[in-house]
Amino acid sequence: MNKPRLIADIGGTNARFALLHGSEIGESEVLQVDDYETPADAIAAFLGGIPEGERPGEAAMGVAGPVTGDRVMLTNSPWSFSIEALKRQFGWTQLHVVNDFAANALAIPQLTPDDLLQIGEGAPEPGMPKVALGPGSGLGVAGLVSVNGVWSAIAGEGGNVTLAALDSREASIIDIVRRQYAHVSAEVLLSGPGLVNLYEALCELAGKTAAPSTPEHITHLYPGCDPQCRDAVNMFCAMLGTFAGDVALTFGARGGVYVMGGIVPKIHEIFRHSAFRERFEFKGRYRRYLSDIPTYVVMHPIPAFLGLRTLFRD
């Protein structure tokens, strides 16, 4: 009997594991990164309930950080590991490690219409570059290009580019946040922690004390809720639209922009009525160019799993 393979989507908050049986994604579990000292501890916990003879012989992992050599350090987590040491520890014959948004990008060709919520107009041009991006614990970005009919991911750290303001209010927010962060990158405001930063800065602009908050509290909008929570969510969606338009222009993403991550799918009804699409297209003489590019919210629960399974070639 062929052994299953392990696939893992490891972010700054959650570590998601599953067993791959052939092409079928089987047993899965979500563990909290803060509950384990190392990735190896979390992997051992997931594998602990699996009989020795049924444990995976190979693995593929998407990690929230750059993969530039054997030593991998996650950006928004204290976890780090050696690829070769991890491979030896668990006796795997193969261990593929890629950036988590590279894995998400590789999932795009496998998504079905039911996995996608289109925001605005536009249609994908066959064979043209695509983009995956999404806010969670950080802000992930990756491109997807077709070379001789084969889709390949372009991993990057686009979430760490310098964030630009579109108007004086956004500039005021960035000025406030800059007191804490010498470099205000996109993910400083366009992420889970970024939502909190936005909310606190908006409270300061309003001359009020910010309540202790979490991203879940801020995005739970209801009649009579804290107006700065509503403002933070609206500004978050709008600024993400500007950022997504920048990324689409950079990649020439005529194949579409796919928004993933742990935040936007949960607020998709707010998102679809937000300024995201307007700001996505608001690029002067390139408005027409961007108006033809479709934007989607990816509703698949763990698209990285779909991408990770493509890393096994047999």
Protein backbone atom coordinates (compact mmCIF):
# COMPACT_ATOMS: atom_id res chain seq x y z
CA MET A 1 0.00 0.00 0.00
CA ASN A 2 1.30 3.43 -0.94
CA LYS A 3 1.86 5.67 2.04
CA PRO A 4 -0.08 8.91 2.29
CA ARG A 5 1.64 12.26 2.02
CA LEU A 6 1.53 15.08 4.53
CA ILE A 7 0.47 18.55 3.42
CA ALA A 8 0.68 21.54 5.75
CA ASP A 9 -0.36 25.18 5.50
CA ILE A 10 1.53 27.01 8.25
CA GLY A 11 0.70 30.61 9.00
CA GLY A 12 1.43 32.97 11.83
CA THR A 13 -1.65 31.89 13.81
CA ASN A 14 -2.81 28.51 12.51
CA ALA A 15 -1.01 25.39 11.31
CA ARG A 16 -3.29 23.30 9.11
CA PHE A 17 -2.38 19.68 8.41
CA ALA A 18 -3.90 16.98 6.22
CA LEU A 19 -3.05 13.61 4.76
CA LEU A 20 -3.08 13.24 1.01
CA HIS A 21 -4.19 9.84 -0.30
CA GLY A 22 -3.36 9.87 -3.98
CA SER A 23 -5.06 13.10 -5.04
CA GLU A 24 -7.69 12.95 -2.30
CA ILE A 25 -7.33 15.21 0.73
CA GLY A 26 -8.18 13.15 3.79
CA GLU A 27 -7.81 13.54 7.54
CA SER A 28 -7.11 17.15 8.52
CA GLU A 29 -6.62 19.21 11.66
CA VAL A 30 -6.00 22.84 12.56
CA LEU A 31 -3.53 23.51 15.38
CA GLN A 32 -2.67 26.80 17.05
CA VAL A 33 0.92 27.90 16.40
CA ASP A 34 1.21 29.40 19.90
CA ASP A 35 0.48 25.99 21.44
CA TYR A 36 3.72 24.45 20.13
CA GLU A 37 7.35 25.44 20.49
CA THR A 38 8.42 24.24 17.04
CA PRO A 39 6.85 23.09 13.76
CA ALA A 40 8.18 19.60 14.49
CA ASP A 41 6.18 19.53 17.73
CA ALA A 42 2.99 20.44 15.87
CA ILE A 43 3.66 17.85 13.15
CA ALA A 44 4.28 15.19 15.81
CA ALA A 45 1.01 16.13 17.51
CA PHE A 46 -0.91 15.75 14.25
CA LEU A 47 0.75 12.44 13.43
CA GLY A 48 0.41 11.12 16.97
CA GLY A 49 -2.95 9.49 16.38
CA ILE A 50 -1.89 7.79 13.14
CA PRO A 51 -0.55 4.21 13.32
CA GLU A 52 3.16 3.95 12.53
CA GLY A 53 2.66 1.99 9.32
CA GLU A 54 0.16 4.50 7.96
CA ARG A 55 2.25 7.63 8.50
CA PRO A 56 3.30 9.72 5.49
CA GLY A 57 6.49 9.05 3.59
CA GLU A 58 6.65 12.45 1.91
CA ALA A 59 5.51 15.97 2.75
CA ALA A 60 4.84 19.40 1.28
CA MET A 61 4.51 22.56 3.33
CA GLY A 62 3.49 26.13 2.64
CA VAL A 63 4.92 28.53 5.20
CA ALA A 64 4.19 32.20 5.88
CA GLY A 65 7.64 33.57 5.18
CA PRO A 66 10.38 33.60 2.54
CA VAL A 67 11.95 30.28 1.55
CA THR A 68 15.45 31.16 0.40
CA GLY A 69 17.54 28.26 1.67
CA ASP A 70 17.59 25.39 4.12
CA ARG A 71 16.79 27.56 7.14
CA VAL A 72 13.22 28.85 7.12
CA MET A 73 11.98 31.56 9.48
CA LEU A 74 8.31 32.50 9.61
CA THR A 75 7.64 36.23 9.39
CA ASN A 76 4.87 36.60 11.98
CA SER A 77 5.73 33.69 14.26
CA PRO A 78 8.78 32.63 16.31
CA TRP A 79 8.87 29.30 14.46
CA SER A 80 11.92 28.41 12.38
CA PHE A 81 13.32 25.13 11.09
CA SER A 82 15.84 23.42 8.86
CA ILE A 83 14.26 21.73 5.86
CA GLU A 84 16.82 18.91 5.82
CA ALA A 85 16.65 18.34 9.58
CA LEU A 86 12.85 18.15 9.49
CA LYS A 87 12.98 15.73 6.58
CA ARG A 88 15.42 13.47 8.48
CA GLN A 89 13.49 13.68 11.75
CA PHE A 90 10.32 12.28 10.20
CA GLY A 91 12.02 9.96 7.71
CA TRP A 92 10.46 11.54 4.63
CA THR A 93 11.91 10.76 1.23
CA GLN A 94 10.77 14.19 -0.03
CA LEU A 95 9.94 17.47 1.69
CA HIS A 96 8.81 20.36 -0.48
CA VAL A 97 8.70 23.75 1.26
CA VAL A 98 7.28 26.84 -0.46
CA ASN A 99 5.90 30.20 0.57
CA ASP A 100 2.28 29.79 1.65
CA PHE A 101 0.98 32.18 -1.01
CA ALA A 102 2.91 30.34 -3.69
CA ALA A 103 0.86 27.32 -2.60
CA ASN A 104 -2.31 29.44 -2.72
CA ALA A 105 -1.45 30.66 -6.21
CA LEU A 106 -0.94 27.09 -7.42
CA ALA A 107 -4.48 26.35 -6.24
CA ILE A 108 -6.09 28.88 -8.58
CA PRO A 109 -6.39 26.64 -11.69
CA GLN A 110 -8.10 23.99 -9.52
CA LEU A 111 -10.79 26.26 -8.08
CA THR A 112 -14.37 25.74 -9.21
CA PRO A 113 -17.00 28.44 -9.81
CA ASP A 114 -18.52 27.51 -6.45
CA ASP A 115 -15.20 28.47 -4.78
CA LEU A 116 -15.27 32.00 -6.19
CA LEU A 117 -17.23 35.15 -5.40
CA GLN A 118 -16.62 37.73 -8.13
CA ILE A 119 -16.34 41.37 -7.09
CA GLY A 120 -17.14 43.75 -9.94
CA GLU A 121 -16.86 43.06 -13.64
CA GLY A 122 -14.15 41.64 -15.89
CA ALA A 123 -13.27 38.23 -17.25
CA PRO A 124 -9.97 36.32 -17.11
CA GLU A 125 -7.87 36.13 -20.26
CA PRO A 126 -6.81 32.51 -20.85
CA GLY A 127 -3.15 31.84 -20.17
CA MET A 128 -2.43 35.29 -18.76
CA PRO A 129 -0.78 35.86 -15.35
CA LYS A 130 -2.89 35.61 -12.20
CA VAL A 131 -2.34 36.92 -8.68
CA ALA A 132 -3.16 35.48 -5.25
CA LEU A 133 -3.15 37.87 -2.32
CA GLY A 134 -4.70 37.96 1.08
CA PRO A 135 -4.61 39.40 4.57
CA GLY A 136 -4.34 37.16 7.63
CA SER A 137 -1.68 37.32 10.31
CA GLY A 138 0.31 39.05 7.58
CA LEU A 139 -0.35 39.96 3.94
CA GLY A 140 0.58 37.33 1.38
CA VAL A 141 1.17 37.87 -2.33
CA ALA A 142 2.19 35.55 -5.16
CA GLY A 143 1.93 35.46 -8.92
CA LEU A 144 0.98 32.59 -11.21
CA VAL A 145 2.28 32.36 -14.77
CA SER A 146 1.80 29.81 -17.51
CA VAL A 147 4.96 28.55 -19.20
CA ASN A 148 4.31 26.17 -22.11
CA GLY A 149 0.92 25.39 -20.62
CA VAL A 150 2.25 24.62 -17.14
CA TRP A 151 1.32 26.95 -14.27
CA SER A 152 4.21 28.08 -12.07
CA ALA A 153 4.03 30.22 -8.95
CA ILE A 154 6.18 33.30 -8.38
CA ALA A 155 6.78 33.64 -4.66
CA GLY A 156 7.49 37.05 -3.20
CA GLU A 157 7.08 39.26 -0.17
CA GLY A 158 4.76 41.83 -1.70
CA GLY A 159 2.94 42.39 1.58
CA ASN A 160 6.02 44.19 2.87
CA VAL A 161 6.15 46.92 0.23
CA THR A 162 5.74 50.49 1.48
CA LEU A 163 2.08 51.43 1.87
CA ALA A 164 0.93 54.52 -0.02
CA ALA A 165 -1.91 56.84 1.03
CA LEU A 166 -4.56 57.88 -1.49
CA ASP A 167 -5.84 60.89 0.43
CA SER A 168 -5.06 63.11 3.42
CA ARG A 169 -7.03 60.95 5.86
CA GLU A 170 -5.07 57.85 4.95
CA ALA A 171 -1.88 59.89 5.17
CA SER A 172 -2.86 60.93 8.70
CA ILE A 173 -3.43 57.29 9.65
CA ILE A 174 -0.01 56.32 8.27
CA ASP A 175 1.62 59.20 10.15
CA ILE A 176 0.09 57.96 13.41
CA VAL A 177 1.12 54.36 12.79
CA ARG A 178 4.63 55.46 11.80
CA ARG A 179 5.27 56.43 15.42
CA GLN A 180 5.23 52.71 16.21
CA TYR A 181 6.58 51.28 12.95
CA ALA A 182 9.56 52.93 11.28
CA HIS A 183 8.48 51.31 8.01
CA VAL A 184 4.74 51.25 7.40
CA SER A 185 4.43 48.33 5.04
CA ALA A 186 1.15 47.25 3.47
CA GLU A 187 0.69 44.46 6.01
CA VAL A 188 1.06 46.88 8.93
CA LEU A 189 -2.50 47.99 8.08
CA LEU A 190 -3.77 45.26 5.72
CA SER A 191 -3.74 42.23 8.02
CA GLY A 192 -5.40 41.04 11.21
CA PRO A 193 -3.04 43.07 13.43
CA GLY A 194 -3.33 45.83 10.83
CA LEU A 195 -7.08 46.09 11.44
CA VAL A 196 -6.31 46.76 15.09
CA ASN A 197 -3.73 49.38 14.07
CA LEU A 198 -6.30 51.03 11.81
CA TYR A 199 -8.94 51.08 14.52
CA GLU A 200 -6.60 52.55 17.13
CA ALA A 201 -5.36 55.23 14.74
CA LEU A 202 -8.93 56.18 13.77
CA CYS A 203 -9.81 56.47 17.46
CA GLU A 204 -6.86 58.81 17.94
CA LEU A 205 -8.02 60.94 15.00
CA ALA A 206 -11.47 61.08 16.58
CA GLY A 207 -10.02 62.12 19.94
CA LYS A 208 -11.26 59.05 21.81
CA THR A 209 -9.62 56.19 23.66
CA ALA A 210 -9.54 52.92 21.73
CA ALA A 211 -11.14 49.94 23.42
CA PRO A 212 -9.03 46.75 23.63
CA SER A 213 -9.89 45.02 20.37
CA THR A 214 -9.27 42.02 18.15
CA PRO A 215 -9.82 41.70 14.40
CA GLU A 216 -12.93 39.61 15.13
CA HIS A 217 -14.39 42.38 17.29
CA ILE A 218 -13.62 45.09 14.75
CA THR A 219 -15.18 43.20 11.82
CA HIS A 220 -18.35 42.34 13.80
CA LEU A 221 -20.39 45.26 12.51
CA TYR A 222 -23.95 45.89 13.66
CA PRO A 223 -26.29 48.90 14.07
CA GLY A 224 -24.92 51.03 16.86
CA CYS A 225 -21.45 49.47 16.88
CA ASP A 226 -18.35 51.54 17.53
CA PRO A 227 -18.18 53.92 14.51
CA GLN A 228 -14.39 53.58 14.41
CA CYS A 229 -14.82 49.81 13.90
CA ARG A 230 -17.00 50.53 10.88
CA ASP A 231 -14.52 53.12 9.61
CA ALA A 232 -11.64 50.69 10.09
CA VAL A 233 -13.34 47.95 8.07
CA ASN A 234 -14.32 50.37 5.31
CA MET A 235 -10.81 51.80 5.11
CA PHE A 236 -9.30 48.31 5.22
CA CYS A 237 -11.35 47.20 2.19
CA ALA A 238 -10.63 50.40 0.28
CA MET A 239 -6.87 50.34 0.91
CA LEU A 240 -6.76 46.64 0.02
CA GLY A 241 -8.35 47.59 -3.30
CA THR A 242 -5.60 50.13 -4.00
CA PHE A 243 -2.95 47.57 -3.04
CA ALA A 244 -4.55 44.84 -5.20
CA GLY A 245 -4.62 47.22 -8.17
CA ASP A 246 -0.90 47.92 -7.69
CA VAL A 247 -0.16 44.19 -7.64
CA ALA A 248 -2.31 43.57 -10.72
CA LEU A 249 -0.43 46.25 -12.63
CA THR A 250 2.93 44.87 -11.50
CA PHE A 251 2.17 41.33 -12.67
CA GLY A 252 0.01 42.26 -15.66
CA ALA A 253 -2.56 39.99 -14.04
CA ARG A 254 -5.03 39.80 -16.92
CA GLY A 255 -5.94 36.34 -15.67
CA GLY A 256 -7.49 37.76 -12.49
CA VAL A 257 -6.80 38.70 -8.90
CA TYR A 258 -7.82 36.16 -6.24
CA VAL A 259 -8.27 37.41 -2.67
CA MET A 260 -7.71 34.76 -0.01
CA GLY A 261 -6.53 34.66 3.60
CA GLY A 262 -8.27 34.47 6.93
CA ILE A 263 -10.15 37.78 6.92
CA VAL A 264 -11.88 38.68 3.64
CA PRO A 265 -13.84 35.42 3.11
CA LYS A 266 -15.35 35.90 6.58
CA ILE A 267 -16.58 39.42 5.72
CA HIS A 268 -17.37 38.77 2.07
CA GLU A 269 -20.81 40.42 2.22
CA ILE A 270 -19.29 43.62 3.61
CA PHE A 271 -16.41 43.32 1.15
CA ARG A 272 -18.56 42.98 -1.95
CA HIS A 273 -20.35 46.26 -1.14
CA SER A 274 -17.18 48.09 -0.10
CA ALA A 275 -14.95 50.47 -2.04
CA PHE A 276 -12.54 47.63 -2.87
CA ARG A 277 -13.38 47.39 -6.57
CA GLU A 278 -13.64 51.15 -7.08
CA ARG A 279 -10.22 51.62 -5.55
CA PHE A 280 -8.84 48.65 -7.48
CA GLU A 281 -9.66 50.43 -10.74
CA PHE A 282 -8.75 53.95 -9.56
CA LYS A 283 -5.43 54.23 -11.41
CA GLY A 284 -5.85 57.22 -13.69
CA ARG A 285 -5.28 56.37 -17.34
CA TYR A 286 -5.01 52.67 -16.41
CA ARG A 287 -8.60 52.50 -15.15
CA ARG A 288 -9.77 50.84 -18.38
CA TYR A 289 -6.92 48.31 -18.20
CA LEU A 290 -7.90 47.34 -14.65
CA SER A 291 -11.64 47.38 -15.31
CA ASP A 292 -11.15 44.35 -17.57
CA ILE A 293 -9.37 42.35 -14.84
CA PRO A 294 -11.69 40.24 -12.69
CA THR A 295 -11.32 40.15 -8.91
CA TYR A 296 -12.57 37.28 -6.78
CA VAL A 297 -12.90 36.32 -3.15
CA VAL A 298 -11.83 32.69 -2.77
CA MET A 299 -14.32 30.88 -0.55
CA HIS A 300 -12.53 27.51 -0.51
CA PRO A 301 -11.63 26.84 3.16
CA ILE A 302 -7.97 25.88 2.60
CA PRO A 303 -6.88 26.56 -0.99
CA ALA A 304 -3.21 26.01 -0.09
CA PHE A 305 -3.95 22.28 0.22
CA LEU A 306 -4.95 22.22 -3.47
CA GLY A 307 -1.73 23.95 -4.42
CA LEU A 308 0.50 21.80 -2.23
CA ARG A 309 -0.68 18.58 -3.81
CA THR A 310 0.60 19.79 -7.21
CA LEU A 311 4.16 19.73 -5.84
CA PHE A 312 4.19 15.94 -5.96
CA ARG A 313 4.97 15.01 -9.53
CA ASP A 314 3.93 11.34 -9.41
